[in-house]
Amino acid sequence: MSEAPRDRLLRTAARLFYAEGIRAVGMDRLVAEAGVTRSTCYRHFAGKDDLVLAYLDSVDRLIREAVAVIIAERPPAEALFGIFEFYGEFATGEDFRGCNFLNAAAEHADRDSPPRRLIAAHRAWLRETFRSLLTETGHPAPDQAAATLVLLRDGAMSAAELDDPATVRETLLHTVGAVIAP
């Protein structure tokens, strides 16, 4: 069974937006590479902004699903490490180009824009996930530690684009250990 046009558009957009940047990729190219007509594209997405939101939403869902599995399979402290192992694997991937959300935020300066609101919601969820797990471990300062873990994740996603990803991953996991077990 062939892939539905909407799914092809979204998969193509995700690949191109991540590899080249959102603003660098035009709708004509997306339509051509997805193998759909312009009218089909606009039937599913009112414009590029809607496609960008669908792309970011799909990344958000994938991460939330992966984190939910990690949390379901491990006790809280191990789940925290597992989440960072997940990010470490992503950062050491062959096609790694930084964090999808940080990249998109850099292209959307208006903090009230729909992409930035979606990114803010993802980050709030991640911070709360960390805080909740830290609370379950009995951490003495779960709010501060959760904020630190989000900062570490952001820094690791940037550093892995600039430095040796394997070294960044190793440093990240070491530092996470220090934060969750003060």
N, C-alpha and C. Protein backbone atom coordinates (compact mmCIF):
# COMPACT_ATOMS: atom_id res chain seq x y z
N MET A 1 0.85 -1.17 0.00
CA MET A 1 0.00 0.00 0.00
C MET A 1 0.90 1.24 0.00
N SER A 2 0.60 2.18 -0.84
CA SER A 2 1.45 3.37 -0.95
C SER A 2 1.12 4.37 0.16
N GLU A 3 2.10 5.18 0.44
CA GLU A 3 1.97 6.18 1.49
C GLU A 3 0.99 7.28 1.06
N ALA A 4 0.15 7.71 1.98
CA ALA A 4 -0.83 8.76 1.70
C ALA A 4 -0.12 10.07 1.39
N PRO A 5 -0.70 10.92 0.52
CA PRO A 5 -0.06 12.19 0.16
C PRO A 5 0.30 13.06 1.36
N ARG A 6 -0.59 13.15 2.35
CA ARG A 6 -0.30 13.97 3.54
C ARG A 6 0.95 13.44 4.26
N ASP A 7 1.02 12.12 4.39
CA ASP A 7 2.17 11.52 5.07
C ASP A 7 3.46 11.72 4.28
N ARG A 8 3.37 11.62 2.96
CA ARG A 8 4.56 11.88 2.11
C ARG A 8 5.03 13.31 2.26
N LEU A 9 4.08 14.25 2.26
CA LEU A 9 4.42 15.65 2.44
C LEU A 9 5.11 15.88 3.79
N LEU A 10 4.55 15.32 4.83
CA LEU A 10 5.10 15.51 6.16
C LEU A 10 6.48 14.85 6.29
N ARG A 11 6.63 13.65 5.76
CA ARG A 11 7.93 12.96 5.80
C ARG A 11 8.97 13.74 5.01
N THR A 12 8.59 14.24 3.85
CA THR A 12 9.51 15.03 3.02
C THR A 12 9.88 16.34 3.72
N ALA A 13 8.89 17.00 4.28
CA ALA A 13 9.15 18.25 5.00
C ALA A 13 10.07 18.00 6.17
N ALA A 14 9.83 16.95 6.93
CA ALA A 14 10.68 16.65 8.09
C ALA A 14 12.12 16.44 7.65
N ARG A 15 12.31 15.68 6.61
CA ARG A 15 13.67 15.41 6.12
C ARG A 15 14.36 16.69 5.65
N LEU A 16 13.67 17.47 4.84
CA LEU A 16 14.28 18.68 4.28
C LEU A 16 14.44 19.79 5.33
N PHE A 17 13.42 20.00 6.15
CA PHE A 17 13.52 21.04 7.19
C PHE A 17 14.67 20.75 8.13
N TYR A 18 14.82 19.49 8.50
CA TYR A 18 15.88 19.13 9.43
C TYR A 18 17.26 19.25 8.78
N ALA A 19 17.38 18.79 7.56
CA ALA A 19 18.68 18.78 6.88
C ALA A 19 19.13 20.17 6.42
N GLU A 20 18.16 21.00 5.99
CA GLU A 20 18.54 22.25 5.33
C GLU A 20 18.01 23.51 6.01
N GLY A 21 17.05 23.37 6.87
CA GLY A 21 16.44 24.52 7.52
C GLY A 21 15.07 24.81 6.94
N ILE A 22 14.20 25.32 7.79
CA ILE A 22 12.82 25.56 7.39
C ILE A 22 12.72 26.63 6.31
N ARG A 23 13.38 27.73 6.51
CA ARG A 23 13.27 28.84 5.54
C ARG A 23 13.98 28.53 4.23
N ALA A 24 14.94 27.64 4.24
CA ALA A 24 15.71 27.33 3.03
C ALA A 24 14.92 26.45 2.06
N VAL A 25 13.85 25.84 2.53
CA VAL A 25 13.09 24.89 1.71
C VAL A 25 11.76 25.53 1.31
N GLY A 26 11.56 25.68 0.01
CA GLY A 26 10.33 26.27 -0.50
C GLY A 26 9.25 25.23 -0.76
N MET A 27 8.03 25.71 -0.86
CA MET A 27 6.89 24.83 -1.09
C MET A 27 6.98 24.11 -2.44
N ASP A 28 7.50 24.79 -3.47
CA ASP A 28 7.62 24.13 -4.77
C ASP A 28 8.49 22.89 -4.66
N ARG A 29 9.59 23.01 -3.95
CA ARG A 29 10.49 21.86 -3.79
C ARG A 29 9.82 20.76 -2.96
N LEU A 30 9.14 21.13 -1.90
CA LEU A 30 8.45 20.14 -1.07
C LEU A 30 7.43 19.35 -1.89
N VAL A 31 6.64 20.07 -2.65
CA VAL A 31 5.61 19.44 -3.48
C VAL A 31 6.27 18.49 -4.49
N ALA A 32 7.32 18.95 -5.15
CA ALA A 32 8.00 18.13 -6.15
C ALA A 32 8.60 16.87 -5.52
N GLU A 33 9.31 17.04 -4.41
CA GLU A 33 9.98 15.88 -3.80
C GLU A 33 9.00 14.92 -3.15
N ALA A 34 7.86 15.42 -2.70
CA ALA A 34 6.84 14.55 -2.12
C ALA A 34 6.02 13.85 -3.20
N GLY A 35 6.12 14.34 -4.43
CA GLY A 35 5.39 13.74 -5.53
C GLY A 35 3.90 13.98 -5.45
N VAL A 36 3.51 15.19 -5.04
CA VAL A 36 2.09 15.55 -4.99
C VAL A 36 1.88 16.84 -5.76
N THR A 37 0.64 17.15 -6.03
CA THR A 37 0.34 18.41 -6.70
C THR A 37 0.21 19.52 -5.65
N ARG A 38 0.30 20.76 -6.11
CA ARG A 38 0.14 21.90 -5.20
C ARG A 38 -1.25 21.87 -4.55
N SER A 39 -2.27 21.54 -5.35
CA SER A 39 -3.63 21.52 -4.79
C SER A 39 -3.76 20.44 -3.70
N THR A 40 -3.11 19.32 -3.90
CA THR A 40 -3.13 18.26 -2.88
C THR A 40 -2.43 18.76 -1.62
N CYS A 41 -1.30 19.42 -1.80
CA CYS A 41 -0.56 19.97 -0.66
C CYS A 41 -1.44 20.92 0.13
N TYR A 42 -2.07 21.85 -0.56
CA TYR A 42 -2.86 22.86 0.13
C TYR A 42 -4.19 22.32 0.65
N ARG A 43 -4.59 21.16 0.17
CA ARG A 43 -5.77 20.50 0.73
C ARG A 43 -5.45 19.98 2.14
N HIS A 44 -4.19 19.57 2.35
CA HIS A 44 -3.78 19.02 3.64
C HIS A 44 -3.17 20.07 4.57
N PHE A 45 -2.51 21.06 3.99
CA PHE A 45 -1.85 22.09 4.78
C PHE A 45 -2.16 23.44 4.14
N ALA A 46 -2.74 24.36 4.91
CA ALA A 46 -3.15 25.66 4.37
C ALA A 46 -1.96 26.45 3.84
N GLY A 47 -0.79 26.15 4.33
CA GLY A 47 0.42 26.85 3.90
C GLY A 47 1.63 26.25 4.59
N LYS A 48 2.76 26.84 4.34
CA LYS A 48 4.00 26.33 4.91
C LYS A 48 3.97 26.36 6.44
N ASP A 49 3.38 27.40 7.01
CA ASP A 49 3.31 27.48 8.47
C ASP A 49 2.60 26.27 9.07
N ASP A 50 1.53 25.83 8.44
CA ASP A 50 0.82 24.64 8.93
C ASP A 50 1.68 23.40 8.80
N LEU A 51 2.43 23.32 7.73
CA LEU A 51 3.33 22.18 7.53
C LEU A 51 4.45 22.19 8.57
N VAL A 52 4.97 23.36 8.88
CA VAL A 52 6.01 23.49 9.92
C VAL A 52 5.45 23.01 11.26
N LEU A 53 4.25 23.43 11.59
CA LEU A 53 3.64 23.00 12.86
C LEU A 53 3.42 21.50 12.89
N ALA A 54 2.98 20.93 11.78
CA ALA A 54 2.78 19.48 11.73
C ALA A 54 4.11 18.75 11.90
N TYR A 55 5.16 19.28 11.28
CA TYR A 55 6.50 18.71 11.43
C TYR A 55 6.95 18.75 12.88
N LEU A 56 6.86 19.91 13.52
CA LEU A 56 7.29 20.03 14.92
C LEU A 56 6.42 19.18 15.84
N ASP A 57 5.13 19.12 15.55
CA ASP A 57 4.24 18.28 16.34
C ASP A 57 4.61 16.81 16.21
N SER A 58 5.01 16.38 15.02
CA SER A 58 5.39 14.98 14.83
C SER A 58 6.67 14.66 15.61
N VAL A 59 7.62 15.60 15.65
CA VAL A 59 8.84 15.40 16.43
C VAL A 59 8.49 15.34 17.91
N ASP A 60 7.64 16.24 18.36
CA ASP A 60 7.19 16.25 19.75
C ASP A 60 6.57 14.90 20.12
N ARG A 61 5.68 14.40 19.29
CA ARG A 61 5.02 13.12 19.58
C ARG A 61 6.01 11.97 19.64
N LEU A 62 6.96 11.93 18.70
CA LEU A 62 7.96 10.87 18.69
C LEU A 62 8.79 10.87 19.98
N ILE A 63 9.20 12.04 20.41
CA ILE A 63 9.99 12.14 21.64
C ILE A 63 9.15 11.73 22.85
N ARG A 64 7.94 12.23 22.93
CA ARG A 64 7.08 11.88 24.07
C ARG A 64 6.83 10.38 24.13
N GLU A 65 6.61 9.77 22.97
CA GLU A 65 6.38 8.32 22.94
C GLU A 65 7.63 7.56 23.39
N ALA A 66 8.80 7.97 22.91
CA ALA A 66 10.05 7.30 23.30
C ALA A 66 10.30 7.45 24.80
N VAL A 67 10.07 8.65 25.33
CA VAL A 67 10.28 8.90 26.76
C VAL A 67 9.27 8.09 27.59
N ALA A 68 8.04 7.99 27.14
CA ALA A 68 7.03 7.21 27.87
C ALA A 68 7.45 5.75 27.97
N VAL A 69 8.01 5.20 26.91
CA VAL A 69 8.47 3.81 26.93
C VAL A 69 9.62 3.66 27.93
N ILE A 70 10.56 4.59 27.89
CA ILE A 70 11.70 4.54 28.82
C ILE A 70 11.20 4.59 30.26
N ILE A 71 10.29 5.49 30.56
CA ILE A 71 9.77 5.64 31.92
C ILE A 71 9.01 4.39 32.36
N ALA A 72 8.25 3.80 31.45
CA ALA A 72 7.47 2.61 31.78
C ALA A 72 8.35 1.40 32.08
N GLU A 73 9.53 1.37 31.50
CA GLU A 73 10.40 0.20 31.63
C GLU A 73 11.43 0.29 32.74
N ARG A 74 11.59 1.47 33.37
CA ARG A 74 12.68 1.65 34.33
C ARG A 74 12.22 2.41 35.57
N PRO A 75 12.93 2.18 36.68
CA PRO A 75 12.68 3.03 37.85
C PRO A 75 13.14 4.46 37.57
N PRO A 76 12.69 5.45 38.35
CA PRO A 76 12.93 6.86 38.03
C PRO A 76 14.38 7.26 37.73
N ALA A 77 15.32 6.92 38.56
CA ALA A 77 16.72 7.33 38.31
C ALA A 77 17.25 6.71 37.02
N GLU A 78 16.93 5.45 36.80
CA GLU A 78 17.36 4.80 35.56
C GLU A 78 16.64 5.38 34.35
N ALA A 79 15.39 5.79 34.54
CA ALA A 79 14.65 6.41 33.44
C ALA A 79 15.30 7.73 33.03
N LEU A 80 15.75 8.51 34.02
CA LEU A 80 16.44 9.76 33.69
C LEU A 80 17.67 9.48 32.84
N PHE A 81 18.46 8.51 33.25
CA PHE A 81 19.63 8.15 32.44
C PHE A 81 19.19 7.65 31.06
N GLY A 82 18.13 6.86 31.04
CA GLY A 82 17.63 6.34 29.77
C GLY A 82 17.21 7.43 28.81
N ILE A 83 16.58 8.46 29.33
CA ILE A 83 16.18 9.59 28.49
C ILE A 83 17.41 10.26 27.89
N PHE A 84 18.45 10.43 28.69
CA PHE A 84 19.67 11.05 28.17
C PHE A 84 20.45 10.11 27.27
N GLU A 85 20.33 8.82 27.47
CA GLU A 85 20.91 7.87 26.51
C GLU A 85 20.20 8.00 25.16
N PHE A 86 18.89 8.17 25.21
CA PHE A 86 18.09 8.40 24.00
C PHE A 86 18.60 9.63 23.26
N TYR A 87 18.75 10.75 23.98
CA TYR A 87 19.28 11.97 23.36
C TYR A 87 20.71 11.77 22.87
N GLY A 88 21.50 11.03 23.62
CA GLY A 88 22.88 10.76 23.21
C GLY A 88 22.95 9.95 21.92
N GLU A 89 22.06 8.98 21.79
CA GLU A 89 22.01 8.20 20.54
C GLU A 89 21.62 9.08 19.37
N PHE A 90 20.64 9.94 19.59
CA PHE A 90 20.21 10.87 18.54
C PHE A 90 21.39 11.75 18.12
N ALA A 91 22.11 12.28 19.10
CA ALA A 91 23.21 13.21 18.83
C ALA A 91 24.40 12.56 18.16
N THR A 92 24.52 11.25 18.28
CA THR A 92 25.65 10.56 17.64
C THR A 92 25.24 9.91 16.32
N GLY A 93 24.01 10.15 15.90
CA GLY A 93 23.54 9.61 14.62
C GLY A 93 24.27 10.23 13.44
N GLU A 94 24.38 9.47 12.39
CA GLU A 94 25.13 9.89 11.20
C GLU A 94 24.59 11.18 10.58
N ASP A 95 23.29 11.37 10.59
CA ASP A 95 22.68 12.54 9.95
C ASP A 95 22.32 13.64 10.95
N PHE A 96 22.92 13.61 12.14
CA PHE A 96 22.59 14.58 13.17
C PHE A 96 22.89 16.00 12.71
N ARG A 97 21.89 16.88 12.88
CA ARG A 97 22.03 18.30 12.50
C ARG A 97 21.53 19.20 13.62
N GLY A 98 21.68 18.77 14.86
CA GLY A 98 21.22 19.56 15.98
C GLY A 98 19.80 19.20 16.39
N CYS A 99 19.31 19.91 17.35
CA CYS A 99 17.96 19.69 17.87
C CYS A 99 16.93 20.30 16.93
N ASN A 100 15.92 19.54 16.57
CA ASN A 100 14.85 20.02 15.71
C ASN A 100 14.22 21.29 16.26
N PHE A 101 13.99 21.31 17.57
CA PHE A 101 13.32 22.45 18.19
C PHE A 101 14.23 23.67 18.28
N LEU A 102 15.48 23.47 18.66
CA LEU A 102 16.41 24.60 18.72
C LEU A 102 16.63 25.18 17.33
N ASN A 103 16.73 24.32 16.33
CA ASN A 103 16.89 24.79 14.95
C ASN A 103 15.67 25.61 14.51
N ALA A 104 14.49 25.10 14.80
CA ALA A 104 13.26 25.81 14.41
C ALA A 104 13.12 27.12 15.18
N ALA A 105 13.48 27.13 16.46
CA ALA A 105 13.40 28.36 17.26
C ALA A 105 14.33 29.43 16.69
N ALA A 106 15.48 29.02 16.21
CA ALA A 106 16.43 29.98 15.63
C ALA A 106 15.85 30.65 14.38
N GLU A 107 14.93 29.98 13.71
CA GLU A 107 14.32 30.52 12.50
C GLU A 107 13.00 31.26 12.77
N HIS A 108 12.54 31.22 13.99
CA HIS A 108 11.28 31.88 14.36
C HIS A 108 11.54 32.75 15.58
N ALA A 109 11.94 33.98 15.35
CA ALA A 109 12.34 34.88 16.42
C ALA A 109 11.17 35.30 17.32
N ASP A 110 9.98 35.38 16.78
CA ASP A 110 8.82 35.82 17.54
C ASP A 110 8.40 34.73 18.53
N ARG A 111 8.59 35.00 19.80
CA ARG A 111 8.27 34.02 20.84
C ARG A 111 6.78 33.69 20.92
N ASP A 112 5.94 34.52 20.32
CA ASP A 112 4.50 34.27 20.31
C ASP A 112 4.03 33.56 19.04
N SER A 113 4.95 33.25 18.14
CA SER A 113 4.57 32.55 16.92
C SER A 113 4.13 31.13 17.26
N PRO A 114 3.27 30.53 16.45
CA PRO A 114 2.83 29.17 16.72
C PRO A 114 3.99 28.16 16.86
N PRO A 115 5.03 28.20 16.02
CA PRO A 115 6.13 27.26 16.24
C PRO A 115 6.80 27.44 17.61
N ARG A 116 7.02 28.69 18.00
CA ARG A 116 7.67 28.93 19.29
C ARG A 116 6.77 28.50 20.46
N ARG A 117 5.47 28.66 20.31
CA ARG A 117 4.56 28.20 21.37
C ARG A 117 4.59 26.68 21.49
N LEU A 118 4.65 25.99 20.35
CA LEU A 118 4.74 24.53 20.37
C LEU A 118 6.06 24.10 21.00
N ILE A 119 7.13 24.77 20.65
CA ILE A 119 8.45 24.47 21.22
C ILE A 119 8.43 24.71 22.73
N ALA A 120 7.84 25.80 23.17
CA ALA A 120 7.75 26.11 24.60
C ALA A 120 6.94 25.03 25.34
N ALA A 121 5.89 24.55 24.73
CA ALA A 121 5.08 23.50 25.35
C ALA A 121 5.89 22.21 25.47
N HIS A 122 6.67 21.89 24.44
CA HIS A 122 7.52 20.70 24.50
C HIS A 122 8.53 20.82 25.63
N ARG A 123 9.16 21.97 25.72
CA ARG A 123 10.18 22.19 26.76
C ARG A 123 9.56 22.15 28.15
N ALA A 124 8.36 22.70 28.32
CA ALA A 124 7.67 22.65 29.61
C ALA A 124 7.36 21.20 29.98
N TRP A 125 6.91 20.41 29.00
CA TRP A 125 6.66 19.00 29.25
C TRP A 125 7.94 18.29 29.66
N LEU A 126 9.03 18.55 28.97
CA LEU A 126 10.30 17.89 29.28
C LEU A 126 10.76 18.27 30.69
N ARG A 127 10.70 19.54 31.02
CA ARG A 127 11.10 20.00 32.36
C ARG A 127 10.24 19.32 33.42
N GLU A 128 8.93 19.26 33.19
CA GLU A 128 8.03 18.62 34.16
C GLU A 128 8.30 17.12 34.26
N THR A 129 8.61 16.49 33.16
CA THR A 129 8.96 15.07 33.18
C THR A 129 10.19 14.85 34.05
N PHE A 130 11.21 15.66 33.84
CA PHE A 130 12.42 15.56 34.66
C PHE A 130 12.09 15.83 36.13
N ARG A 131 11.33 16.89 36.40
CA ARG A 131 10.99 17.24 37.78
C ARG A 131 10.25 16.11 38.47
N SER A 132 9.31 15.52 37.78
CA SER A 132 8.53 14.43 38.34
C SER A 132 9.42 13.22 38.67
N LEU A 133 10.29 12.85 37.75
CA LEU A 133 11.19 11.73 37.99
C LEU A 133 12.15 12.03 39.14
N LEU A 134 12.67 13.25 39.17
CA LEU A 134 13.57 13.64 40.25
C LEU A 134 12.86 13.61 41.59
N THR A 135 11.61 14.06 41.63
CA THR A 135 10.82 14.01 42.86
C THR A 135 10.66 12.57 43.32
N GLU A 136 10.39 11.67 42.39
CA GLU A 136 10.24 10.26 42.73
C GLU A 136 11.53 9.66 43.29
N THR A 137 12.67 10.18 42.87
CA THR A 137 13.94 9.66 43.39
C THR A 137 14.26 10.25 44.76
N GLY A 138 13.50 11.26 45.20
CA GLY A 138 13.77 11.91 46.47
C GLY A 138 14.81 13.01 46.36
N HIS A 139 15.04 13.50 45.15
CA HIS A 139 16.03 14.57 44.96
C HIS A 139 15.66 15.77 45.83
N PRO A 140 16.65 16.40 46.49
CA PRO A 140 16.35 17.51 47.39
C PRO A 140 15.92 18.82 46.70
N ALA A 141 16.24 18.98 45.43
CA ALA A 141 15.89 20.21 44.71
C ALA A 141 15.44 19.85 43.29
N PRO A 142 14.28 19.20 43.17
CA PRO A 142 13.86 18.72 41.85
C PRO A 142 13.60 19.80 40.81
N ASP A 143 13.10 20.96 41.23
CA ASP A 143 12.83 22.04 40.27
C ASP A 143 14.13 22.56 39.66
N GLN A 144 15.10 22.85 40.51
CA GLN A 144 16.38 23.36 40.03
C GLN A 144 17.11 22.29 39.20
N ALA A 145 17.08 21.06 39.66
CA ALA A 145 17.75 19.98 38.92
C ALA A 145 17.09 19.75 37.57
N ALA A 146 15.76 19.84 37.51
CA ALA A 146 15.05 19.67 36.23
C ALA A 146 15.45 20.76 35.25
N ALA A 147 15.52 22.00 35.73
CA ALA A 147 15.94 23.10 34.86
C ALA A 147 17.37 22.87 34.38
N THR A 148 18.22 22.37 35.26
CA THR A 148 19.61 22.06 34.88
C THR A 148 19.65 20.97 33.82
N LEU A 149 18.82 19.95 33.95
CA LEU A 149 18.81 18.86 32.97
C LEU A 149 18.34 19.35 31.59
N VAL A 150 17.36 20.25 31.57
CA VAL A 150 16.93 20.81 30.28
C VAL A 150 18.07 21.59 29.66
N LEU A 151 18.76 22.37 30.47
CA LEU A 151 19.91 23.13 29.99
C LEU A 151 21.01 22.20 29.47
N LEU A 152 21.26 21.11 30.18
CA LEU A 152 22.26 20.13 29.72
C LEU A 152 21.86 19.51 28.39
N ARG A 153 20.58 19.19 28.25
CA ARG A 153 20.10 18.60 27.00
C ARG A 153 20.30 19.58 25.86
N ASP A 154 19.92 20.84 26.08
CA ASP A 154 20.09 21.86 25.04
C ASP A 154 21.56 22.02 24.68
N GLY A 155 22.40 22.10 25.68
CA GLY A 155 23.83 22.27 25.43
C GLY A 155 24.42 21.08 24.69
N ALA A 156 24.00 19.89 25.06
CA ALA A 156 24.51 18.68 24.40
C ALA A 156 24.07 18.63 22.94
N MET A 157 22.84 19.04 22.67
CA MET A 157 22.35 19.03 21.29
C MET A 157 23.14 20.02 20.43
N SER A 158 23.51 21.14 21.00
CA SER A 158 24.33 22.12 20.27
C SER A 158 25.77 21.66 20.15
N ALA A 159 26.33 21.17 21.26
CA ALA A 159 27.73 20.74 21.26
C ALA A 159 27.97 19.56 20.33
N ALA A 160 27.01 18.65 20.24
CA ALA A 160 27.19 17.48 19.38
C ALA A 160 27.25 17.86 17.90
N GLU A 161 26.69 19.01 17.57
CA GLU A 161 26.76 19.52 16.19
C GLU A 161 28.13 20.15 15.93
N LEU A 162 28.78 20.63 16.99
CA LEU A 162 30.03 21.38 16.84
C LEU A 162 31.28 20.58 17.21
N ASP A 163 31.14 19.66 18.14
CA ASP A 163 32.28 18.89 18.64
C ASP A 163 32.09 17.41 18.31
N ASP A 164 32.95 16.58 18.87
CA ASP A 164 32.84 15.14 18.68
C ASP A 164 31.60 14.63 19.42
N PRO A 165 30.61 14.12 18.70
CA PRO A 165 29.36 13.70 19.34
C PRO A 165 29.55 12.62 20.41
N ALA A 166 30.47 11.69 20.20
CA ALA A 166 30.68 10.63 21.19
C ALA A 166 31.21 11.20 22.50
N THR A 167 32.11 12.17 22.40
CA THR A 167 32.64 12.81 23.60
C THR A 167 31.55 13.61 24.29
N VAL A 168 30.74 14.30 23.52
CA VAL A 168 29.62 15.06 24.09
C VAL A 168 28.68 14.11 24.82
N ARG A 169 28.36 12.98 24.22
CA ARG A 169 27.46 12.01 24.84
C ARG A 169 28.04 11.52 26.16
N GLU A 170 29.30 11.17 26.16
CA GLU A 170 29.96 10.69 27.38
C GLU A 170 29.93 11.76 28.48
N THR A 171 30.26 12.98 28.11
CA THR A 171 30.26 14.09 29.07
C THR A 171 28.84 14.35 29.59
N LEU A 172 27.87 14.30 28.70
CA LEU A 172 26.48 14.50 29.09
C LEU A 172 26.05 13.48 30.13
N LEU A 173 26.29 12.20 29.86
CA LEU A 173 25.86 11.15 30.79
C LEU A 173 26.57 11.28 32.13
N HIS A 174 27.84 11.63 32.11
CA HIS A 174 28.59 11.84 33.35
C HIS A 174 27.97 13.00 34.16
N THR A 175 27.67 14.09 33.48
CA THR A 175 27.13 15.28 34.15
C THR A 175 25.71 15.03 34.66
N VAL A 176 24.92 14.30 33.92
CA VAL A 176 23.56 13.95 34.37
C VAL A 176 23.65 13.17 35.67
N GLY A 177 24.61 12.27 35.76
CA GLY A 177 24.79 11.51 36.99
C GLY A 177 25.06 12.41 38.19
N ALA A 178 25.86 13.43 37.98
CA ALA A 178 26.16 14.37 39.07
C ALA A 178 24.94 15.18 39.46
N VAL A 179 24.07 15.49 38.51
CA VAL A 179 22.89 16.31 38.81
C VAL A 179 21.83 15.48 39.54
N ILE A 180 21.62 14.24 39.12
CA ILE A 180 20.52 13.47 39.71
C ILE A 180 20.92 12.81 41.02
N ALA A 181 22.20 12.70 41.32
CA ALA A 181 22.63 12.11 42.59
C ALA A 181 23.57 13.08 43.30
N PRO A 182 23.01 14.17 43.85
CA PRO A 182 23.87 15.20 44.47
C PRO A 182 24.58 14.71 45.72
